[in-house]
Amino acid sequence: MSFPAERPRRLRRSERLRAMVRETHVTPANLIYPLFVAPGRGLRKEIGSLPGCFHLSVDEIAKEAREVESLGIAGVILFGLPEGKDPVGSQGYAEDGVVQQAVRAIRNETKDLLVMTDVCLCEYTSHGHCGVIANNEVLNDPTLDLLAQMAVSHAQAGAHIVAPSDMMDGRVAAIRKGLDGAGFMDIPILSYAAKYASAFYGPFREAADSAPQFGDRRGYQMDPANVREALREVRLDVEEGADMIMVKPALPYLDVIRAVREAVDRPVAAYNVSGEYAMVKAAAQRGWIDERRVVTETLTSIRRAGADAILTYRAKDFSRWTA
């Protein structure tokens, strides 16, 4: 038999050798851990559709943040469940809102952990939509002022990064103007620039109690069929002042992550969303898959596609596995 000139298998013969030539690496420093803060004290209630994730009161979320920091994870992103809701989501930008309280508590309990906040009204509005409503329509421009107020309130509480996820047109510019006007010129904006109207958000909507009370969000979140539109959204957000941009979800949109990575010079994040988490967790609980290997392969694929940072409910698990 003729001898092959090339034998790629030579570099796969041991784990040490494979590790030496590995092209893509995932570390805890690439990961951001989502947390859900709720009213009360001493609250640590597991979320049914997100096994291993919890609703946490402010005192408990500070403890959780200490553990997250000890694992070397880059940061957390906070989502709030307010004590009450109204049509304009006023608890979202209240000085004593649950997220604002949680930011202060986490900053007091950690040293280097990045504290990010989700900037969106859906968790705080009685109708569950991401903006102001009139005649069953989400109004873009009146929503921008409220989003800017929310971002400023988060910065005042001590947030390191604000992350608008609402998909209103012009919201990055409005938030940048609001932050700069309040003296927070150094606070970066991580924009959910390409956020799709996805079926993979179901468990999150239980966790954040944010399901819309009528209709859906396809009128402002992106059509899953579109890639060129995602690039347009990303470029607009960069022009408006976004410091980092995000693609959400991650796994069904790896091609979008790659296209965005090649199109812009900003750091790119991707959100490994609740539905992606829940499917893997359910299959693992039934013994159908090797959970650790699947999670590692998943996160590696997101990094390989071009994401610099990954928002994932697996941040703690992965960090423990790789310690």
C-alpha atoms as a PDB file:
ATOM      1  CA  MET A   1       0.000   0.000   0.000  1.00  0.00           C
ATOM      2  CA  SER A   2       1.211   3.513  -0.745  1.00  0.00           C
ATOM      3  CA  PHE A   3       2.101   5.591   2.291  1.00  0.00           C
ATOM      4  CA  PRO A   4      -0.034   8.777   2.708  1.00  0.00           C
ATOM      5  CA  ALA A   5       1.988  11.956   2.505  1.00  0.00           C
ATOM      6  CA  GLU A   6      -0.251  13.528   5.121  1.00  0.00           C
ATOM      7  CA  ARG A   7      -1.410  11.788   8.306  1.00  0.00           C
ATOM      8  CA  PRO A   8      -3.486  14.236  10.417  1.00  0.00           C
ATOM      9  CA  ARG A   9      -4.113  11.488  12.981  1.00  0.00           C
ATOM     10  CA  ARG A  10      -0.525  11.849  14.213  1.00  0.00           C
ATOM     11  CA  LEU A  11      -1.560  14.967  16.136  1.00  0.00           C
ATOM     12  CA  ARG A  12      -4.547  13.260  17.802  1.00  0.00           C
ATOM     13  CA  ARG A  13      -2.807  10.378  19.550  1.00  0.00           C
ATOM     14  CA  SER A  14      -2.946  11.718  23.129  1.00  0.00           C
ATOM     15  CA  GLU A  15      -4.854  14.307  25.110  1.00  0.00           C
ATOM     16  CA  ARG A  16      -1.649  16.230  25.806  1.00  0.00           C
ATOM     17  CA  LEU A  17      -0.891  16.396  22.094  1.00  0.00           C
ATOM     18  CA  ARG A  18      -4.460  17.334  21.177  1.00  0.00           C
ATOM     19  CA  ALA A  19      -4.423  20.089  23.783  1.00  0.00           C
ATOM     20  CA  MET A  20      -1.151  21.501  22.483  1.00  0.00           C
ATOM     21  CA  VAL A  21      -2.483  22.000  18.942  1.00  0.00           C
ATOM     22  CA  ARG A  22      -6.061  22.909  19.879  1.00  0.00           C
ATOM     23  CA  GLU A  23      -7.261  25.926  17.906  1.00  0.00           C
ATOM     24  CA  THR A  24     -10.175  27.138  20.019  1.00  0.00           C
ATOM     25  CA  HIS A  25     -10.181  27.555  23.794  1.00  0.00           C
ATOM     26  CA  VAL A  26     -12.952  28.269  26.270  1.00  0.00           C
ATOM     27  CA  THR A  27     -12.121  29.461  29.767  1.00  0.00           C
ATOM     28  CA  PRO A  28     -14.221  30.834  32.632  1.00  0.00           C
ATOM     29  CA  ALA A  29     -12.896  34.274  31.662  1.00  0.00           C
ATOM     30  CA  ASN A  30     -14.981  34.011  28.455  1.00  0.00           C
ATOM     31  CA  LEU A  31     -18.234  33.360  30.348  1.00  0.00           C
ATOM     32  CA  ILE A  32     -21.020  35.511  31.801  1.00  0.00           C
ATOM     33  CA  TYR A  33     -23.527  33.939  34.196  1.00  0.00           C
ATOM     34  CA  PRO A  34     -27.190  35.063  34.111  1.00  0.00           C
ATOM     35  CA  LEU A  35     -28.878  35.591  37.495  1.00  0.00           C
ATOM     36  CA  PHE A  36     -32.509  36.270  38.402  1.00  0.00           C
ATOM     37  CA  VAL A  37     -33.122  38.569  41.368  1.00  0.00           C
ATOM     38  CA  ALA A  38     -36.487  38.602  43.137  1.00  0.00           C
ATOM     39  CA  PRO A  39     -38.038  40.422  46.118  1.00  0.00           C
ATOM     40  CA  GLY A  40     -37.734  39.032  49.616  1.00  0.00           C
ATOM     41  CA  ARG A  41     -35.002  37.749  51.877  1.00  0.00           C
ATOM     42  CA  GLY A  42     -33.425  34.329  52.130  1.00  0.00           C
ATOM     43  CA  LEU A  43     -35.033  33.330  48.829  1.00  0.00           C
ATOM     44  CA  ARG A  44     -33.385  30.604  46.782  1.00  0.00           C
ATOM     45  CA  LYS A  45     -36.084  28.941  44.686  1.00  0.00           C
ATOM     46  CA  GLU A  46     -35.201  26.616  41.827  1.00  0.00           C
ATOM     47  CA  ILE A  47     -36.718  27.512  38.450  1.00  0.00           C
ATOM     48  CA  GLY A  48     -38.726  24.551  37.161  1.00  0.00           C
ATOM     49  CA  SER A  49     -37.758  24.794  33.503  1.00  0.00           C
ATOM     50  CA  LEU A  50     -34.117  25.690  34.293  1.00  0.00           C
ATOM     51  CA  PRO A  51     -32.929  22.985  36.730  1.00  0.00           C
ATOM     52  CA  GLY A  52     -29.937  24.227  38.691  1.00  0.00           C
ATOM     53  CA  CYS A  53     -30.883  27.904  38.243  1.00  0.00           C
ATOM     54  CA  PHE A  54     -32.693  29.913  40.898  1.00  0.00           C
ATOM     55  CA  HIS A  55     -34.743  32.941  41.772  1.00  0.00           C
ATOM     56  CA  LEU A  56     -32.566  34.708  44.345  1.00  0.00           C
ATOM     57  CA  SER A  57     -33.271  37.506  46.793  1.00  0.00           C
ATOM     58  CA  VAL A  58     -30.741  40.329  47.046  1.00  0.00           C
ATOM     59  CA  ASP A  59     -28.935  38.796  50.032  1.00  0.00           C
ATOM     60  CA  GLU A  60     -28.717  35.404  48.311  1.00  0.00           C
ATOM     61  CA  ILE A  61     -27.581  36.841  45.000  1.00  0.00           C
ATOM     62  CA  ALA A  62     -24.649  38.504  46.744  1.00  0.00           C
ATOM     63  CA  LYS A  63     -23.594  35.081  48.077  1.00  0.00           C
ATOM     64  CA  GLU A  64     -24.022  33.581  44.631  1.00  0.00           C
ATOM     65  CA  ALA A  65     -21.875  36.306  43.118  1.00  0.00           C
ATOM     66  CA  ARG A  66     -19.054  35.517  45.530  1.00  0.00           C
ATOM     67  CA  GLU A  67     -19.091  31.904  44.367  1.00  0.00           C
ATOM     68  CA  VAL A  68     -19.196  32.957  40.711  1.00  0.00           C
ATOM     69  CA  GLU A  69     -16.164  35.181  41.234  1.00  0.00           C
ATOM     70  CA  SER A  70     -14.277  32.394  43.034  1.00  0.00           C
ATOM     71  CA  LEU A  71     -14.703  30.190  39.939  1.00  0.00           C
ATOM     72  CA  GLY A  72     -12.943  32.748  37.731  1.00  0.00           C
ATOM     73  CA  ILE A  73     -16.061  33.580  35.700  1.00  0.00           C
ATOM     74  CA  ALA A  74     -15.831  36.990  34.052  1.00  0.00           C
ATOM     75  CA  GLY A  75     -19.145  38.399  35.227  1.00  0.00           C
ATOM     76  CA  VAL A  76     -22.861  38.121  35.822  1.00  0.00           C
ATOM     77  CA  ILE A  77     -25.828  39.651  34.047  1.00  0.00           C
ATOM     78  CA  LEU A  78     -28.868  40.500  36.146  1.00  0.00           C
ATOM     79  CA  PHE A  79     -32.559  40.098  35.344  1.00  0.00           C
ATOM     80  CA  GLY A  80     -35.198  41.387  37.760  1.00  0.00           C
ATOM     81  CA  LEU A  81     -38.582  40.225  38.999  1.00  0.00           C
ATOM     82  CA  PRO A  82     -40.185  43.340  40.501  1.00  0.00           C
ATOM     83  CA  GLU A  83     -42.637  43.524  43.395  1.00  0.00           C
ATOM     84  CA  GLY A  84     -45.194  45.124  41.090  1.00  0.00           C
ATOM     85  CA  LYS A  85     -45.732  45.827  37.406  1.00  0.00           C
ATOM     86  CA  ASP A  86     -47.382  48.676  35.510  1.00  0.00           C
ATOM     87  CA  PRO A  87     -47.861  49.673  31.848  1.00  0.00           C
ATOM     88  CA  VAL A  88     -44.577  51.597  31.673  1.00  0.00           C
ATOM     89  CA  GLY A  89     -42.391  49.267  33.760  1.00  0.00           C
ATOM     90  CA  SER A  90     -41.514  51.922  36.321  1.00  0.00           C
ATOM     91  CA  GLN A  91     -39.882  49.436  38.710  1.00  0.00           C
ATOM     92  CA  GLY A  92     -37.275  48.842  36.044  1.00  0.00           C
ATOM     93  CA  TYR A  93     -35.785  52.309  36.484  1.00  0.00           C
ATOM     94  CA  ALA A  94     -36.635  52.895  40.147  1.00  0.00           C
ATOM     95  CA  GLU A  95     -33.719  53.732  42.419  1.00  0.00           C
ATOM     96  CA  ASP A  96     -34.786  50.961  44.822  1.00  0.00           C
ATOM     97  CA  GLY A  97     -35.652  48.392  42.127  1.00  0.00           C
ATOM     98  CA  VAL A  98     -34.567  44.806  42.699  1.00  0.00           C
ATOM     99  CA  VAL A  99     -31.799  44.946  40.094  1.00  0.00           C
ATOM    100  CA  GLN A 100     -30.474  48.230  41.448  1.00  0.00           C
ATOM    101  CA  GLN A 101     -30.403  46.724  44.952  1.00  0.00           C
ATOM    102  CA  ALA A 102     -28.693  43.603  43.645  1.00  0.00           C
ATOM    103  CA  VAL A 103     -26.019  45.595  41.835  1.00  0.00           C
ATOM    104  CA  ARG A 104     -25.129  47.416  45.033  1.00  0.00           C
ATOM    105  CA  ALA A 105     -25.067  44.207  47.062  1.00  0.00           C
ATOM    106  CA  ILE A 106     -22.872  42.381  44.558  1.00  0.00           C
ATOM    107  CA  ARG A 107     -20.446  45.286  44.259  1.00  0.00           C
ATOM    108  CA  ASN A 108     -20.096  45.279  48.057  1.00  0.00           C
ATOM    109  CA  GLU A 109     -19.403  41.540  48.171  1.00  0.00           C
ATOM    110  CA  THR A 110     -17.050  41.036  45.219  1.00  0.00           C
ATOM    111  CA  LYS A 111     -13.769  42.481  44.100  1.00  0.00           C
ATOM    112  CA  ASP A 112     -13.283  42.037  40.355  1.00  0.00           C
ATOM    113  CA  LEU A 113     -16.508  40.433  39.124  1.00  0.00           C
ATOM    114  CA  LEU A 114     -18.099  42.314  36.230  1.00  0.00           C
ATOM    115  CA  VAL A 115     -21.691  43.275  36.976  1.00  0.00           C
ATOM    116  CA  MET A 116     -23.834  43.634  33.854  1.00  0.00           C
ATOM    117  CA  THR A 117     -27.506  44.503  33.721  1.00  0.00           C
ATOM    118  CA  ASP A 118     -30.195  43.682  31.198  1.00  0.00           C
ATOM    119  CA  VAL A 119     -31.906  46.879  30.025  1.00  0.00           C
ATOM    120  CA  CYS A 120     -35.428  46.041  28.891  1.00  0.00           C
ATOM    121  CA  LEU A 121     -38.959  46.731  30.109  1.00  0.00           C
ATOM    122  CA  CYS A 122     -40.544  43.321  29.496  1.00  0.00           C
ATOM    123  CA  GLU A 123     -39.880  42.008  33.014  1.00  0.00           C
ATOM    124  CA  TYR A 124     -41.493  45.102  34.557  1.00  0.00           C
ATOM    125  CA  THR A 125     -44.504  45.882  32.338  1.00  0.00           C
ATOM    126  CA  SER A 126     -47.967  44.552  33.127  1.00  0.00           C
ATOM    127  CA  HIS A 127     -48.433  43.660  29.443  1.00  0.00           C
ATOM    128  CA  GLY A 128     -45.090  41.860  29.113  1.00  0.00           C
ATOM    129  CA  HIS A 129     -43.870  43.738  26.060  1.00  0.00           C
ATOM    130  CA  CYS A 130     -40.517  45.506  25.755  1.00  0.00           C
ATOM    131  CA  GLY A 131     -41.870  49.012  25.302  1.00  0.00           C
ATOM    132  CA  VAL A 132     -44.694  51.466  25.802  1.00  0.00           C
ATOM    133  CA  ILE A 133     -48.040  50.265  24.396  1.00  0.00           C
ATOM    134  CA  ALA A 134     -50.779  52.206  22.605  1.00  0.00           C
ATOM    135  CA  ASN A 135     -53.618  50.531  20.695  1.00  0.00           C
ATOM    136  CA  ASN A 136     -51.876  47.176  21.117  1.00  0.00           C
ATOM    137  CA  GLU A 137     -48.772  48.492  19.358  1.00  0.00           C
ATOM    138  CA  VAL A 138     -45.286  48.796  20.870  1.00  0.00           C
ATOM    139  CA  LEU A 139     -44.242  52.416  20.430  1.00  0.00           C
ATOM    140  CA  ASN A 140     -40.592  52.793  19.580  1.00  0.00           C
ATOM    141  CA  ASP A 141     -39.677  56.406  20.348  1.00  0.00           C
ATOM    142  CA  PRO A 142     -41.504  56.882  23.682  1.00  0.00           C
ATOM    143  CA  THR A 143     -39.769  53.723  24.898  1.00  0.00           C
ATOM    144  CA  LEU A 144     -36.287  55.138  24.320  1.00  0.00           C
ATOM    145  CA  ASP A 145     -36.470  57.637  27.176  1.00  0.00           C
ATOM    146  CA  LEU A 146     -37.466  54.896  29.618  1.00  0.00           C
ATOM    147  CA  LEU A 147     -34.640  52.631  28.492  1.00  0.00           C
ATOM    148  CA  ALA A 148     -32.171  55.483  28.957  1.00  0.00           C
ATOM    149  CA  GLN A 149     -33.538  56.089  32.460  1.00  0.00           C
ATOM    150  CA  MET A 150     -33.127  52.403  33.267  1.00  0.00           C
ATOM    151  CA  ALA A 151     -29.545  52.306  32.033  1.00  0.00           C
ATOM    152  CA  VAL A 152     -28.657  55.410  34.048  1.00  0.00           C
ATOM    153  CA  SER A 153     -30.246  53.956  37.193  1.00  0.00           C
ATOM    154  CA  HIS A 154     -28.178  50.794  36.762  1.00  0.00           C
ATOM    155  CA  ALA A 155     -25.010  52.814  36.313  1.00  0.00           C
ATOM    156  CA  GLN A 156     -25.822  54.880  39.395  1.00  0.00           C
ATOM    157  CA  ALA A 157     -26.187  51.653  41.362  1.00  0.00           C
ATOM    158  CA  GLY A 158     -22.724  50.552  40.222  1.00  0.00           C
ATOM    159  CA  ALA A 159     -23.204  48.420  37.092  1.00  0.00           C
ATOM    160  CA  HIS A 160     -20.026  48.009  35.070  1.00  0.00           C
ATOM    161  CA  ILE A 161     -21.843  47.337  31.767  1.00  0.00           C
ATOM    162  CA  VAL A 162     -25.410  47.896  30.569  1.00  0.00           C
ATOM    163  CA  ALA A 163     -26.951  45.564  27.994  1.00  0.00           C
ATOM    164  CA  PRO A 164     -30.081  46.735  26.122  1.00  0.00           C
ATOM    165  CA  SER A 165     -32.100  43.768  24.844  1.00  0.00           C
ATOM    166  CA  ASP A 166     -35.347  45.442  23.758  1.00  0.00           C
ATOM    167  CA  MET A 167     -34.646  45.777  20.008  1.00  0.00           C
ATOM    168  CA  MET A 168     -36.129  49.272  19.731  1.00  0.00           C
ATOM    169  CA  ASP A 169     -34.613  51.298  16.888  1.00  0.00           C
ATOM    170  CA  GLY A 170     -32.207  53.954  18.148  1.00  0.00           C
ATOM    171  CA  ARG A 171     -31.971  52.679  21.704  1.00  0.00           C
ATOM    172  CA  VAL A 172     -28.167  52.500  21.786  1.00  0.00           C
ATOM    173  CA  ALA A 173     -27.882  56.175  20.860  1.00  0.00           C
ATOM    174  CA  ALA A 174     -30.530  57.125  23.442  1.00  0.00           C
ATOM    175  CA  ILE A 175     -28.795  55.147  26.180  1.00  0.00           C
ATOM    176  CA  ARG A 176     -25.373  56.529  25.256  1.00  0.00           C
ATOM    177  CA  LYS A 177     -26.754  60.053  25.421  1.00  0.00           C
ATOM    178  CA  GLY A 178     -28.394  59.350  28.769  1.00  0.00           C
ATOM    179  CA  LEU A 179     -25.287  57.796  30.287  1.00  0.00           C
ATOM    180  CA  ASP A 180     -23.006  60.576  29.050  1.00  0.00           C
ATOM    181  CA  GLY A 181     -25.400  63.261  30.251  1.00  0.00           C
ATOM    182  CA  ALA A 182     -25.426  61.699  33.731  1.00  0.00           C
ATOM    183  CA  GLY A 183     -21.637  61.567  33.878  1.00  0.00           C
ATOM    184  CA  PHE A 184     -21.204  57.878  33.006  1.00  0.00           C
ATOM    185  CA  MET A 185     -19.101  58.295  29.876  1.00  0.00           C
ATOM    186  CA  ASP A 186     -16.965  55.269  30.798  1.00  0.00           C
ATOM    187  CA  ILE A 187     -19.819  52.752  31.135  1.00  0.00           C
ATOM    188  CA  PRO A 188     -19.789  50.409  28.099  1.00  0.00           C
ATOM    189  CA  ILE A 189     -22.910  49.299  26.231  1.00  0.00           C
ATOM    190  CA  LEU A 190     -23.248  45.638  25.286  1.00  0.00           C
ATOM    191  CA  SER A 191     -26.013  45.753  22.713  1.00  0.00           C
ATOM    192  CA  TYR A 192     -28.233  42.786  21.924  1.00  0.00           C
ATOM    193  CA  ALA A 193     -27.740  43.857  18.327  1.00  0.00           C
ATOM    194  CA  ALA A 194     -29.035  40.728  16.564  1.00  0.00           C
ATOM    195  CA  LYS A 195     -31.785  39.354  18.792  1.00  0.00           C
ATOM    196  CA  TYR A 196     -34.083  36.961  17.018  1.00  0.00           C
ATOM    197  CA  ALA A 197     -37.775  36.247  17.675  1.00  0.00           C
ATOM    198  CA  SER A 198     -36.869  32.745  18.777  1.00  0.00           C
ATOM    199  CA  ALA A 199     -38.775  29.752  20.130  1.00  0.00           C
ATOM    200  CA  PHE A 200     -35.745  29.003  22.327  1.00  0.00           C
ATOM    201  CA  TYR A 201     -36.682  31.612  24.972  1.00  0.00           C
ATOM    202  CA  GLY A 202     -39.483  29.641  26.640  1.00  0.00           C
ATOM    203  CA  PRO A 203     -37.777  28.712  29.932  1.00  0.00           C
ATOM    204  CA  PHE A 204     -36.434  32.254  30.333  1.00  0.00           C
ATOM    205  CA  ARG A 205     -39.939  33.674  30.133  1.00  0.00           C
ATOM    206  CA  GLU A 206     -40.929  31.484  33.058  1.00  0.00           C
ATOM    207  CA  ALA A 207     -37.787  32.487  34.936  1.00  0.00           C
ATOM    208  CA  ALA A 208     -38.264  36.222  34.320  1.00  0.00           C
ATOM    209  CA  ASP A 209     -42.086  36.174  34.316  1.00  0.00           C
ATOM    210  CA  SER A 210     -41.895  38.121  31.064  1.00  0.00           C
ATOM    211  CA  ALA A 211     -44.238  36.427  28.597  1.00  0.00           C
ATOM    212  CA  PRO A 212     -46.277  38.970  26.594  1.00  0.00           C
ATOM    213  CA  GLN A 213     -49.920  39.146  27.604  1.00  0.00           C
ATOM    214  CA  PHE A 214     -51.043  39.535  23.989  1.00  0.00           C
ATOM    215  CA  GLY A 215     -49.470  38.955  20.610  1.00  0.00           C
ATOM    216  CA  ASP A 216     -45.784  38.228  20.338  1.00  0.00           C
ATOM    217  CA  ARG A 217     -42.476  40.044  19.771  1.00  0.00           C
ATOM    218  CA  ARG A 218     -41.994  39.368  16.089  1.00  0.00           C
ATOM    219  CA  GLY A 219     -42.820  42.991  15.320  1.00  0.00           C
ATOM    220  CA  TYR A 220     -39.553  44.142  16.886  1.00  0.00           C
ATOM    221  CA  GLN A 221     -37.300  41.111  17.314  1.00  0.00           C
ATOM    222  CA  MET A 222     -35.638  39.727  14.187  1.00  0.00           C
ATOM    223  CA  ASP A 223     -36.965  37.174  11.725  1.00  0.00           C
ATOM    224  CA  PRO A 224     -34.974  33.916  12.177  1.00  0.00           C
ATOM    225  CA  ALA A 225     -34.528  33.647   8.392  1.00  0.00           C
ATOM    226  CA  ASN A 226     -32.433  36.820   8.048  1.00  0.00           C
ATOM    227  CA  VAL A 227     -28.655  37.246   8.138  1.00  0.00           C
ATOM    228  CA  ARG A 228     -28.121  40.423   6.107  1.00  0.00           C
ATOM    229  CA  GLU A 229     -30.597  42.200   8.352  1.00  0.00           C
ATOM    230  CA  ALA A 230     -28.544  41.131  11.378  1.00  0.00           C
ATOM    231  CA  LEU A 231     -25.475  42.781   9.887  1.00  0.00           C
ATOM    232  CA  ARG A 232     -27.472  45.943   9.280  1.00  0.00           C
ATOM    233  CA  GLU A 233     -28.652  45.951  12.910  1.00  0.00           C
ATOM    234  CA  VAL A 234     -25.109  45.408  14.136  1.00  0.00           C
ATOM    235  CA  ARG A 235     -23.675  48.205  12.022  1.00  0.00           C
ATOM    236  CA  LEU A 236     -26.385  50.612  13.158  1.00  0.00           C
ATOM    237  CA  ASP A 237     -25.680  49.836  16.819  1.00  0.00           C
ATOM    238  CA  VAL A 238     -21.943  50.284  16.313  1.00  0.00           C
ATOM    239  CA  GLU A 239     -22.585  53.643  14.638  1.00  0.00           C
ATOM    240  CA  GLU A 240     -24.775  54.652  17.596  1.00  0.00           C
ATOM    241  CA  GLY A 241     -22.021  53.864  20.083  1.00  0.00           C
ATOM    242  CA  ALA A 242     -22.237  50.190  21.064  1.00  0.00           C
ATOM    243  CA  ASP A 243     -18.955  49.031  22.586  1.00  0.00           C
ATOM    244  CA  MET A 244     -19.804  45.328  22.263  1.00  0.00           C
ATOM    245  CA  ILE A 245     -22.509  43.544  20.338  1.00  0.00           C
ATOM    246  CA  MET A 246     -24.414  40.325  20.898  1.00  0.00           C
ATOM    247  CA  VAL A 247     -26.119  37.628  18.867  1.00  0.00           C
ATOM    248  CA  LYS A 248     -29.022  35.816  20.554  1.00  0.00           C
ATOM    249  CA  PRO A 249     -29.656  32.841  20.543  1.00  0.00           C
ATOM    250  CA  ALA A 250     -26.310  31.153  19.923  1.00  0.00           C
ATOM    251  CA  LEU A 251     -26.551  27.587  18.614  1.00  0.00           C
ATOM    252  CA  PRO A 252     -29.188  28.075  15.866  1.00  0.00           C
ATOM    253  CA  TYR A 253     -27.307  31.222  14.774  1.00  0.00           C
ATOM    254  CA  LEU A 254     -23.644  30.183  14.633  1.00  0.00           C
ATOM    255  CA  ASP A 255     -23.567  31.369  11.025  1.00  0.00           C
ATOM    256  CA  VAL A 256     -24.750  34.799  12.178  1.00  0.00           C
ATOM    257  CA  ILE A 257     -22.055  34.928  14.863  1.00  0.00           C
ATOM    258  CA  ARG A 258     -19.435  34.178  12.203  1.00  0.00           C
ATOM    259  CA  ALA A 259     -20.837  36.769   9.805  1.00  0.00           C
ATOM    260  CA  VAL A 260     -20.927  39.408  12.552  1.00  0.00           C
ATOM    261  CA  ARG A 261     -17.389  38.564  13.661  1.00  0.00           C
ATOM    262  CA  GLU A 262     -16.134  39.131  10.136  1.00  0.00           C
ATOM    263  CA  ALA A 263     -18.144  42.339   9.638  1.00  0.00           C
ATOM    264  CA  VAL A 264     -17.200  44.438  12.674  1.00  0.00           C
ATOM    265  CA  ASP A 265     -14.218  45.195  14.857  1.00  0.00           C
ATOM    266  CA  ARG A 266     -16.117  45.228  18.162  1.00  0.00           C
ATOM    267  CA  PRO A 267     -16.057  42.375  20.695  1.00  0.00           C
ATOM    268  CA  VAL A 268     -18.817  39.878  19.949  1.00  0.00           C
ATOM    269  CA  ALA A 269     -20.916  38.108  22.574  1.00  0.00           C
ATOM    270  CA  ALA A 270     -23.434  35.296  22.107  1.00  0.00           C
ATOM    271  CA  TYR A 271     -26.211  34.150  24.423  1.00  0.00           C
ATOM    272  CA  ASN A 272     -26.467  30.382  24.947  1.00  0.00           C
ATOM    273  CA  VAL A 273     -30.128  30.763  25.829  1.00  0.00           C
ATOM    274  CA  SER A 274     -32.537  29.016  28.174  1.00  0.00           C
ATOM    275  CA  GLY A 275     -34.043  26.658  25.599  1.00  0.00           C
ATOM    276  CA  GLU A 276     -30.584  25.456  24.592  1.00  0.00           C
ATOM    277  CA  TYR A 277     -29.775  24.856  28.259  1.00  0.00           C
ATOM    278  CA  ALA A 278     -33.070  23.090  29.018  1.00  0.00           C
ATOM    279  CA  MET A 279     -32.805  20.658  26.100  1.00  0.00           C
ATOM    280  CA  VAL A 280     -29.324  19.536  27.088  1.00  0.00           C
ATOM    281  CA  LYS A 281     -30.278  19.292  30.756  1.00  0.00           C
ATOM    282  CA  ALA A 282     -33.391  17.219  29.997  1.00  0.00           C
ATOM    283  CA  ALA A 283     -31.512  14.813  27.731  1.00  0.00           C
ATOM    284  CA  ALA A 284     -28.735  14.444  30.310  1.00  0.00           C
ATOM    285  CA  GLN A 285     -31.227  13.711  33.094  1.00  0.00           C
ATOM    286  CA  ARG A 286     -32.556  10.845  30.977  1.00  0.00           C
ATOM    287  CA  GLY A 287     -29.085   9.475  30.364  1.00  0.00           C
ATOM    288  CA  TRP A 288     -29.292  10.090  26.625  1.00  0.00           C
ATOM    289  CA  ILE A 289     -26.149  12.224  26.360  1.00  0.00           C
ATOM    290  CA  ASP A 290     -22.878  12.877  28.182  1.00  0.00           C
ATOM    291  CA  GLU A 291     -23.731  16.279  29.674  1.00  0.00           C
ATOM    292  CA  ARG A 292     -20.182  17.440  30.313  1.00  0.00           C
ATOM    293  CA  ARG A 293     -18.978  16.600  26.810  1.00  0.00           C
ATOM    294  CA  VAL A 294     -22.041  18.115  25.135  1.00  0.00           C
ATOM    295  CA  VAL A 295     -21.756  21.356  27.108  1.00  0.00           C
ATOM    296  CA  THR A 296     -18.043  21.637  26.391  1.00  0.00           C
ATOM    297  CA  GLU A 297     -18.620  20.978  22.695  1.00  0.00           C
ATOM    298  CA  THR A 298     -21.452  23.513  22.625  1.00  0.00           C
ATOM    299  CA  LEU A 299     -19.440  26.315  24.219  1.00  0.00           C
ATOM    300  CA  THR A 300     -16.459  25.517  22.013  1.00  0.00           C
ATOM    301  CA  SER A 301     -18.645  25.760  18.900  1.00  0.00           C
ATOM    302  CA  ILE A 302     -19.856  29.216  19.953  1.00  0.00           C
ATOM    303  CA  ARG A 303     -16.289  30.395  20.521  1.00  0.00           C
ATOM    304  CA  ARG A 304     -15.164  28.811  17.253  1.00  0.00           C
ATOM    305  CA  ALA A 305     -17.890  30.696  15.397  1.00  0.00           C
ATOM    306  CA  GLY A 306     -16.339  33.949  16.640  1.00  0.00           C
ATOM    307  CA  ALA A 307     -17.807  34.869  20.028  1.00  0.00           C
ATOM    308  CA  ASP A 308     -15.402  36.529  22.445  1.00  0.00           C
ATOM    309  CA  ALA A 309     -17.833  36.148  25.360  1.00  0.00           C
ATOM    310  CA  ILE A 310     -20.672  33.712  26.021  1.00  0.00           C
ATOM    311  CA  LEU A 311     -23.651  34.340  28.256  1.00  0.00           C
ATOM    312  CA  THR A 312     -24.543  30.888  29.548  1.00  0.00           C
ATOM    313  CA  TYR A 313     -26.353  29.155  32.388  1.00  0.00           C
ATOM    314  CA  ARG A 314     -23.543  26.571  32.225  1.00  0.00           C
ATOM    315  CA  ALA A 315     -20.851  28.991  33.392  1.00  0.00           C
ATOM    316  CA  LYS A 316     -20.578  27.503  36.892  1.00  0.00           C
ATOM    317  CA  ASP A 317     -20.705  23.889  35.697  1.00  0.00           C
ATOM    318  CA  PHE A 318     -18.077  24.447  33.024  1.00  0.00           C
ATOM    319  CA  SER A 319     -15.799  26.343  35.402  1.00  0.00           C
ATOM    320  CA  ARG A 320     -15.937  23.540  37.970  1.00  0.00           C
ATOM    321  CA  TRP A 321     -15.276  20.894  35.318  1.00  0.00           C
ATOM    322  CA  THR A 322     -12.208  22.717  34.023  1.00  0.00           C
ATOM    323  CA  ALA A 323     -10.789  23.825  37.397  1.00  0.00           C
END
